[in-house]
Amino acid sequence: MNDFGILSEKQIDALKEVGTIGAGHAANALSQLVGRKIMISVPEVKAVSLKKVVKLVGPPESLVAVVYTNLMGDTRGRSLLIFPRQSVFNLVDILMKRPAGQTKFLKEIDCSAIKEVGNILAGAFLTTLADFLNIALIPSVPLLAYDMIGAILEALAIEFGKDADYIFCIQTEFMDPTLDIGGSFILVFDRKSLNVITEKIDMKIKEMTINKKKT
């Protein structure tokens, strides 16, 4: 395969396609929860330093709520559902059927609701990706962190160790301007997992090419 961090155009296109489908499923799940249609962006597929991931979601000092799960199975990584501070408060108001603007801090019941949202969205996205690549992507029980995004990602970098120099990242954004809800969903994988994923993508591309020739 190519040097680490370099994905071919076909590999990126394939991941964007499956990422779009997965993000669509996740957005539909969130739409049902809030009772409004949630918009999504076309997923970005990158291999970057974990330190640079923070630039994808805002200033390091920004307060965010992050629902994260460890990924087990054929790959090692983590899913991160990142809500800016005000967005998570607005989302909690909707989920808990409170008047807009009532939530000013997260209670235990609020944290449970947000973790459940993260569990549903991550599950919808990961199922699509796992089915496409024919790999096992098993999320752990979701956890919630409320802190500056820089501090959260710094802790993640320590966990990944040397693999934090380069990680594989799929990012999509979702939003509803009328409800003032927005956030990012990011998948990060280590180097070994990138090898597994790119090999599976190449197999899928060959399979699709063969099927196209048969038709």
C-alpha atoms as a PDB file:
ATOM      1  CA  MET A   1       0.000   0.000   0.000  1.00  0.00           C
ATOM      2  CA  ASN A   2       1.030   3.632  -0.093  1.00  0.00           C
ATOM      3  CA  ASP A   3       3.097   5.300   2.618  1.00  0.00           C
ATOM      4  CA  PHE A   4       1.114   5.904   5.759  1.00  0.00           C
ATOM      5  CA  GLY A   5      -1.057   8.941   5.593  1.00  0.00           C
ATOM      6  CA  ILE A   6      -1.475   8.809   1.823  1.00  0.00           C
ATOM      7  CA  LEU A   7      -4.762   7.474   0.563  1.00  0.00           C
ATOM      8  CA  SER A   8      -5.459   7.029  -3.125  1.00  0.00           C
ATOM      9  CA  GLU A   9      -8.247   9.019  -4.724  1.00  0.00           C
ATOM     10  CA  LYS A  10     -10.296   5.845  -5.172  1.00  0.00           C
ATOM     11  CA  GLN A  11      -9.850   4.920  -1.505  1.00  0.00           C
ATOM     12  CA  ILE A  12     -10.919   8.397  -0.380  1.00  0.00           C
ATOM     13  CA  ASP A  13     -13.932   8.391  -2.716  1.00  0.00           C
ATOM     14  CA  ALA A  14     -15.023   4.979  -1.424  1.00  0.00           C
ATOM     15  CA  LEU A  15     -14.731   6.093   2.201  1.00  0.00           C
ATOM     16  CA  LYS A  16     -16.576   9.344   1.478  1.00  0.00           C
ATOM     17  CA  GLU A  17     -19.385   7.390  -0.139  1.00  0.00           C
ATOM     18  CA  VAL A  18     -19.822   4.987   2.766  1.00  0.00           C
ATOM     19  CA  GLY A  19     -19.258   7.857   5.208  1.00  0.00           C
ATOM     20  CA  THR A  20     -22.089   9.807   3.595  1.00  0.00           C
ATOM     21  CA  ILE A  21     -24.424   6.830   3.929  1.00  0.00           C
ATOM     22  CA  GLY A  22     -23.404   6.287   7.554  1.00  0.00           C
ATOM     23  CA  ALA A  23     -23.760   9.972   8.377  1.00  0.00           C
ATOM     24  CA  GLY A  24     -27.174   9.957   6.724  1.00  0.00           C
ATOM     25  CA  HIS A  25     -28.316   7.100   8.942  1.00  0.00           C
ATOM     26  CA  ALA A  26     -26.958   8.910  11.997  1.00  0.00           C
ATOM     27  CA  ALA A  27     -28.651  12.173  10.979  1.00  0.00           C
ATOM     28  CA  ASN A  28     -31.973  10.357  10.505  1.00  0.00           C
ATOM     29  CA  ALA A  29     -31.631   8.876  13.980  1.00  0.00           C
ATOM     30  CA  LEU A  30     -30.984  12.326  15.458  1.00  0.00           C
ATOM     31  CA  SER A  31     -33.851  13.800  13.438  1.00  0.00           C
ATOM     32  CA  GLN A  32     -36.242  11.310  15.027  1.00  0.00           C
ATOM     33  CA  LEU A  33     -34.958  12.207  18.501  1.00  0.00           C
ATOM     34  CA  VAL A  34     -35.412  15.976  18.085  1.00  0.00           C
ATOM     35  CA  GLY A  35     -38.416  15.862  15.759  1.00  0.00           C
ATOM     36  CA  ARG A  36     -36.735  17.961  13.079  1.00  0.00           C
ATOM     37  CA  LYS A  37     -34.709  17.205   9.966  1.00  0.00           C
ATOM     38  CA  ILE A  38     -30.979  17.434  10.706  1.00  0.00           C
ATOM     39  CA  MET A  39     -28.585  18.478   7.930  1.00  0.00           C
ATOM     40  CA  ILE A  40     -25.211  16.798   7.421  1.00  0.00           C
ATOM     41  CA  SER A  41     -22.037  17.703   5.576  1.00  0.00           C
ATOM     42  CA  VAL A  42     -20.123  15.512   3.131  1.00  0.00           C
ATOM     43  CA  PRO A  43     -17.624  13.555   5.260  1.00  0.00           C
ATOM     44  CA  GLU A  44     -13.978  14.581   5.212  1.00  0.00           C
ATOM     45  CA  VAL A  45     -11.495  11.707   5.014  1.00  0.00           C
ATOM     46  CA  LYS A  46      -7.984  12.507   6.226  1.00  0.00           C
ATOM     47  CA  ALA A  47      -4.837  11.002   7.699  1.00  0.00           C
ATOM     48  CA  VAL A  48      -3.476  13.675  10.016  1.00  0.00           C
ATOM     49  CA  SER A  49      -1.647  14.219  13.273  1.00  0.00           C
ATOM     50  CA  LEU A  50      -3.957  13.886  16.254  1.00  0.00           C
ATOM     51  CA  LYS A  51      -2.742  17.327  17.316  1.00  0.00           C
ATOM     52  CA  LYS A  52      -4.257  18.739  14.128  1.00  0.00           C
ATOM     53  CA  VAL A  53      -7.660  17.188  14.777  1.00  0.00           C
ATOM     54  CA  VAL A  54      -8.388  19.962  17.267  1.00  0.00           C
ATOM     55  CA  LYS A  55      -8.232  22.451  14.381  1.00  0.00           C
ATOM     56  CA  LEU A  56     -11.109  20.581  12.748  1.00  0.00           C
ATOM     57  CA  VAL A  57     -13.491  21.328  15.601  1.00  0.00           C
ATOM     58  CA  GLY A  58     -12.498  24.745  16.930  1.00  0.00           C
ATOM     59  CA  PRO A  59     -10.092  26.584  19.255  1.00  0.00           C
ATOM     60  CA  PRO A  60      -8.362  24.354  21.878  1.00  0.00           C
ATOM     61  CA  GLU A  61      -9.923  26.337  24.745  1.00  0.00           C
ATOM     62  CA  SER A  62     -13.491  25.779  23.489  1.00  0.00           C
ATOM     63  CA  LEU A  63     -15.727  24.019  26.014  1.00  0.00           C
ATOM     64  CA  VAL A  64     -17.377  20.954  24.513  1.00  0.00           C
ATOM     65  CA  ALA A  65     -19.287  17.850  25.508  1.00  0.00           C
ATOM     66  CA  VAL A  66     -17.770  14.750  23.919  1.00  0.00           C
ATOM     67  CA  VAL A  67     -19.423  11.347  23.839  1.00  0.00           C
ATOM     68  CA  TYR A  68     -16.702   8.833  23.081  1.00  0.00           C
ATOM     69  CA  THR A  69     -16.495   5.089  22.629  1.00  0.00           C
ATOM     70  CA  ASN A  70     -13.548   2.771  22.203  1.00  0.00           C
ATOM     71  CA  LEU A  71     -13.698   0.669  19.051  1.00  0.00           C
ATOM     72  CA  MET A  72     -12.914  -3.006  19.364  1.00  0.00           C
ATOM     73  CA  GLY A  73     -12.841  -5.876  16.917  1.00  0.00           C
ATOM     74  CA  ASP A  74     -10.670  -5.777  13.786  1.00  0.00           C
ATOM     75  CA  THR A  75      -9.484  -2.217  14.420  1.00  0.00           C
ATOM     76  CA  ARG A  76      -8.335  -0.015  17.281  1.00  0.00           C
ATOM     77  CA  GLY A  77      -9.725   3.463  17.490  1.00  0.00           C
ATOM     78  CA  ARG A  78     -12.315   5.740  18.963  1.00  0.00           C
ATOM     79  CA  SER A  79     -15.484   7.514  17.914  1.00  0.00           C
ATOM     80  CA  LEU A  80     -16.007  11.078  19.118  1.00  0.00           C
ATOM     81  CA  LEU A  81     -19.319  12.916  19.026  1.00  0.00           C
ATOM     82  CA  ILE A  82     -18.463  16.542  19.786  1.00  0.00           C
ATOM     83  CA  PHE A  83     -21.019  19.170  20.785  1.00  0.00           C
ATOM     84  CA  PRO A  84     -20.106  22.816  21.461  1.00  0.00           C
ATOM     85  CA  ARG A  85     -21.194  23.949  24.932  1.00  0.00           C
ATOM     86  CA  GLN A  86     -24.356  25.801  23.910  1.00  0.00           C
ATOM     87  CA  SER A  87     -25.381  23.157  21.381  1.00  0.00           C
ATOM     88  CA  VAL A  88     -25.379  20.428  24.009  1.00  0.00           C
ATOM     89  CA  PHE A  89     -27.472  22.592  26.350  1.00  0.00           C
ATOM     90  CA  ASN A  90     -29.960  23.249  23.548  1.00  0.00           C
ATOM     91  CA  LEU A  91     -30.079  19.549  22.681  1.00  0.00           C
ATOM     92  CA  VAL A  92     -30.736  18.623  26.309  1.00  0.00           C
ATOM     93  CA  ASP A  93     -33.620  21.126  26.451  1.00  0.00           C
ATOM     94  CA  ILE A  94     -35.192  19.380  23.447  1.00  0.00           C
ATOM     95  CA  LEU A  95     -34.568  15.832  24.654  1.00  0.00           C
ATOM     96  CA  MET A  96     -35.834  16.549  28.163  1.00  0.00           C
ATOM     97  CA  LYS A  97     -38.745  18.671  26.859  1.00  0.00           C
ATOM     98  CA  ARG A  98     -37.651  21.769  28.770  1.00  0.00           C
ATOM     99  CA  PRO A  99     -38.244  25.388  27.741  1.00  0.00           C
ATOM    100  CA  ALA A 100     -35.508  26.662  25.412  1.00  0.00           C
ATOM    101  CA  GLY A 101     -32.580  28.096  27.333  1.00  0.00           C
ATOM    102  CA  GLN A 102     -33.378  26.404  30.635  1.00  0.00           C
ATOM    103  CA  THR A 103     -30.354  24.081  30.757  1.00  0.00           C
ATOM    104  CA  LYS A 104     -27.284  25.888  32.097  1.00  0.00           C
ATOM    105  CA  PHE A 105     -25.295  22.888  33.307  1.00  0.00           C
ATOM    106  CA  LEU A 106     -25.494  19.123  32.820  1.00  0.00           C
ATOM    107  CA  LYS A 107     -27.259  17.041  35.467  1.00  0.00           C
ATOM    108  CA  GLU A 108     -26.730  13.290  35.746  1.00  0.00           C
ATOM    109  CA  ILE A 109     -29.956  12.602  33.862  1.00  0.00           C
ATOM    110  CA  ASP A 110     -28.843  15.032  31.125  1.00  0.00           C
ATOM    111  CA  CYS A 111     -25.509  13.212  30.778  1.00  0.00           C
ATOM    112  CA  SER A 112     -27.331   9.907  30.418  1.00  0.00           C
ATOM    113  CA  ALA A 113     -29.498  11.346  27.638  1.00  0.00           C
ATOM    114  CA  ILE A 114     -26.500  12.736  25.760  1.00  0.00           C
ATOM    115  CA  LYS A 115     -24.629   9.432  26.079  1.00  0.00           C
ATOM    116  CA  GLU A 116     -27.640   7.640  24.644  1.00  0.00           C
ATOM    117  CA  VAL A 117     -27.669  10.063  21.698  1.00  0.00           C
ATOM    118  CA  GLY A 118     -23.977   9.337  21.148  1.00  0.00           C
ATOM    119  CA  ASN A 119     -24.607   5.608  21.352  1.00  0.00           C
ATOM    120  CA  ILE A 120     -27.363   5.775  18.731  1.00  0.00           C
ATOM    121  CA  LEU A 121     -25.430   8.010  16.321  1.00  0.00           C
ATOM    122  CA  ALA A 122     -22.167   6.076  16.623  1.00  0.00           C
ATOM    123  CA  GLY A 123     -24.014   2.794  16.175  1.00  0.00           C
ATOM    124  CA  ALA A 124     -25.732   3.993  12.997  1.00  0.00           C
ATOM    125  CA  PHE A 125     -22.454   5.219  11.504  1.00  0.00           C
ATOM    126  CA  LEU A 126     -20.290   2.288  12.559  1.00  0.00           C
ATOM    127  CA  THR A 127     -22.760  -0.340  11.355  1.00  0.00           C
ATOM    128  CA  THR A 128     -22.673   1.139   7.861  1.00  0.00           C
ATOM    129  CA  LEU A 129     -18.866   1.301   7.814  1.00  0.00           C
ATOM    130  CA  ALA A 130     -18.475  -2.222   9.220  1.00  0.00           C
ATOM    131  CA  ASP A 131     -20.911  -3.680   6.669  1.00  0.00           C
ATOM    132  CA  PHE A 132     -19.135  -1.958   3.778  1.00  0.00           C
ATOM    133  CA  LEU A 133     -15.650  -3.061   4.837  1.00  0.00           C
ATOM    134  CA  ASN A 134     -16.777  -6.464   6.141  1.00  0.00           C
ATOM    135  CA  ILE A 135     -15.006  -5.945   9.459  1.00  0.00           C
ATOM    136  CA  ALA A 136     -16.014  -6.020  13.107  1.00  0.00           C
ATOM    137  CA  LEU A 137     -16.388  -2.534  14.627  1.00  0.00           C
ATOM    138  CA  ILE A 138     -17.667  -3.002  18.153  1.00  0.00           C
ATOM    139  CA  PRO A 139     -18.181   0.155  20.243  1.00  0.00           C
ATOM    140  CA  SER A 140     -17.726   0.110  23.997  1.00  0.00           C
ATOM    141  CA  VAL A 141     -20.223   1.611  26.433  1.00  0.00           C
ATOM    142  CA  PRO A 142     -20.248   5.376  25.694  1.00  0.00           C
ATOM    143  CA  LEU A 143     -18.593   7.806  28.105  1.00  0.00           C
ATOM    144  CA  LEU A 144     -19.072  11.563  28.386  1.00  0.00           C
ATOM    145  CA  ALA A 145     -16.436  14.236  28.925  1.00  0.00           C
ATOM    146  CA  TYR A 146     -17.138  17.934  29.417  1.00  0.00           C
ATOM    147  CA  ASP A 147     -13.949  19.966  29.082  1.00  0.00           C
ATOM    148  CA  MET A 148     -11.873  22.058  26.696  1.00  0.00           C
ATOM    149  CA  ILE A 149     -11.458  20.231  23.385  1.00  0.00           C
ATOM    150  CA  GLY A 150      -7.684  20.696  23.549  1.00  0.00           C
ATOM    151  CA  ALA A 151      -7.493  18.875  26.892  1.00  0.00           C
ATOM    152  CA  ILE A 152      -9.692  16.016  25.679  1.00  0.00           C
ATOM    153  CA  LEU A 153      -7.633  15.442  22.554  1.00  0.00           C
ATOM    154  CA  GLU A 154      -4.384  15.739  24.506  1.00  0.00           C
ATOM    155  CA  ALA A 155      -5.550  12.858  26.709  1.00  0.00           C
ATOM    156  CA  LEU A 156      -6.410  10.890  23.583  1.00  0.00           C
ATOM    157  CA  ALA A 157      -2.954  11.575  22.143  1.00  0.00           C
ATOM    158  CA  ILE A 158      -1.338  10.162  25.288  1.00  0.00           C
ATOM    159  CA  GLU A 159      -3.483   7.037  24.974  1.00  0.00           C
ATOM    160  CA  PHE A 160      -2.554   6.510  21.332  1.00  0.00           C
ATOM    161  CA  GLY A 161       1.148   7.086  22.077  1.00  0.00           C
ATOM    162  CA  LYS A 162       3.390   7.145  19.015  1.00  0.00           C
ATOM    163  CA  ASP A 163       0.409   6.401  16.790  1.00  0.00           C
ATOM    164  CA  ALA A 164      -0.877   9.880  17.627  1.00  0.00           C
ATOM    165  CA  ASP A 165       1.658  11.257  15.130  1.00  0.00           C
ATOM    166  CA  TYR A 166      -0.672  10.112  12.389  1.00  0.00           C
ATOM    167  CA  ILE A 167      -4.224   8.915  12.780  1.00  0.00           C
ATOM    168  CA  PHE A 168      -6.944   8.110  10.287  1.00  0.00           C
ATOM    169  CA  CYS A 169      -9.886  10.473  10.587  1.00  0.00           C
ATOM    170  CA  ILE A 170     -13.401  10.548   9.143  1.00  0.00           C
ATOM    171  CA  GLN A 171     -15.306  13.705  10.094  1.00  0.00           C
ATOM    172  CA  THR A 172     -18.840  14.800   9.346  1.00  0.00           C
ATOM    173  CA  GLU A 173     -20.795  17.766  10.713  1.00  0.00           C
ATOM    174  CA  PHE A 174     -24.512  17.935  11.428  1.00  0.00           C
ATOM    175  CA  MET A 175     -26.668  20.905  12.253  1.00  0.00           C
ATOM    176  CA  ASP A 176     -30.065  22.519  12.459  1.00  0.00           C
ATOM    177  CA  PRO A 177     -29.718  26.335  12.505  1.00  0.00           C
ATOM    178  CA  THR A 178     -33.327  26.804  13.626  1.00  0.00           C
ATOM    179  CA  LEU A 179     -32.666  24.801  16.804  1.00  0.00           C
ATOM    180  CA  ASP A 180     -29.091  26.070  17.214  1.00  0.00           C
ATOM    181  CA  ILE A 181     -27.769  22.514  17.363  1.00  0.00           C
ATOM    182  CA  GLY A 182     -24.511  21.545  15.729  1.00  0.00           C
ATOM    183  CA  GLY A 183     -21.656  19.156  16.227  1.00  0.00           C
ATOM    184  CA  SER A 184     -19.039  16.894  14.703  1.00  0.00           C
ATOM    185  CA  PHE A 185     -18.704  13.139  14.517  1.00  0.00           C
ATOM    186  CA  ILE A 186     -15.114  11.952  14.213  1.00  0.00           C
ATOM    187  CA  LEU A 187     -13.663   8.472  13.893  1.00  0.00           C
ATOM    188  CA  VAL A 188      -9.972   8.023  14.633  1.00  0.00           C
ATOM    189  CA  PHE A 189      -7.939   4.891  13.988  1.00  0.00           C
ATOM    190  CA  ASP A 190      -4.324   3.952  14.653  1.00  0.00           C
ATOM    191  CA  ARG A 191      -1.709   2.967  12.057  1.00  0.00           C
ATOM    192  CA  LYS A 192      -2.359  -0.763  12.162  1.00  0.00           C
ATOM    193  CA  SER A 193      -6.065  -0.163  11.699  1.00  0.00           C
ATOM    194  CA  LEU A 194      -5.382   2.043   8.677  1.00  0.00           C
ATOM    195  CA  ASN A 195      -3.617  -0.891   7.032  1.00  0.00           C
ATOM    196  CA  VAL A 196      -6.631  -3.116   7.705  1.00  0.00           C
ATOM    197  CA  ILE A 197      -9.081  -0.514   6.416  1.00  0.00           C
ATOM    198  CA  THR A 198      -7.195   0.331   3.221  1.00  0.00           C
ATOM    199  CA  GLU A 199      -6.730  -3.355   2.389  1.00  0.00           C
ATOM    200  CA  LYS A 200     -10.454  -3.929   2.837  1.00  0.00           C
ATOM    201  CA  ILE A 201     -11.249  -0.888   0.702  1.00  0.00           C
ATOM    202  CA  ASP A 202      -8.998  -2.145  -2.093  1.00  0.00           C
ATOM    203  CA  MET A 203     -10.732  -5.537  -1.979  1.00  0.00           C
ATOM    204  CA  LYS A 204     -14.103  -3.798  -2.142  1.00  0.00           C
ATOM    205  CA  ILE A 205     -13.037  -1.632  -5.084  1.00  0.00           C
ATOM    206  CA  LYS A 206     -11.823  -4.712  -6.994  1.00  0.00           C
ATOM    207  CA  GLU A 207     -15.070  -6.517  -6.210  1.00  0.00           C
ATOM    208  CA  MET A 208     -17.135  -3.572  -7.442  1.00  0.00           C
ATOM    209  CA  THR A 209     -15.009  -3.329 -10.618  1.00  0.00           C
ATOM    210  CA  ILE A 210     -15.503  -7.034 -11.377  1.00  0.00           C
ATOM    211  CA  ASN A 211     -19.249  -6.811 -10.816  1.00  0.00           C
ATOM    212  CA  LYS A 212     -19.448  -3.751 -13.055  1.00  0.00           C
ATOM    213  CA  LYS A 213     -17.667  -5.622 -15.878  1.00  0.00           C
ATOM    214  CA  LYS A 214     -20.066  -8.544 -15.530  1.00  0.00           C
ATOM    215  CA  THR A 215     -23.020  -6.232 -16.046  1.00  0.00           C
END
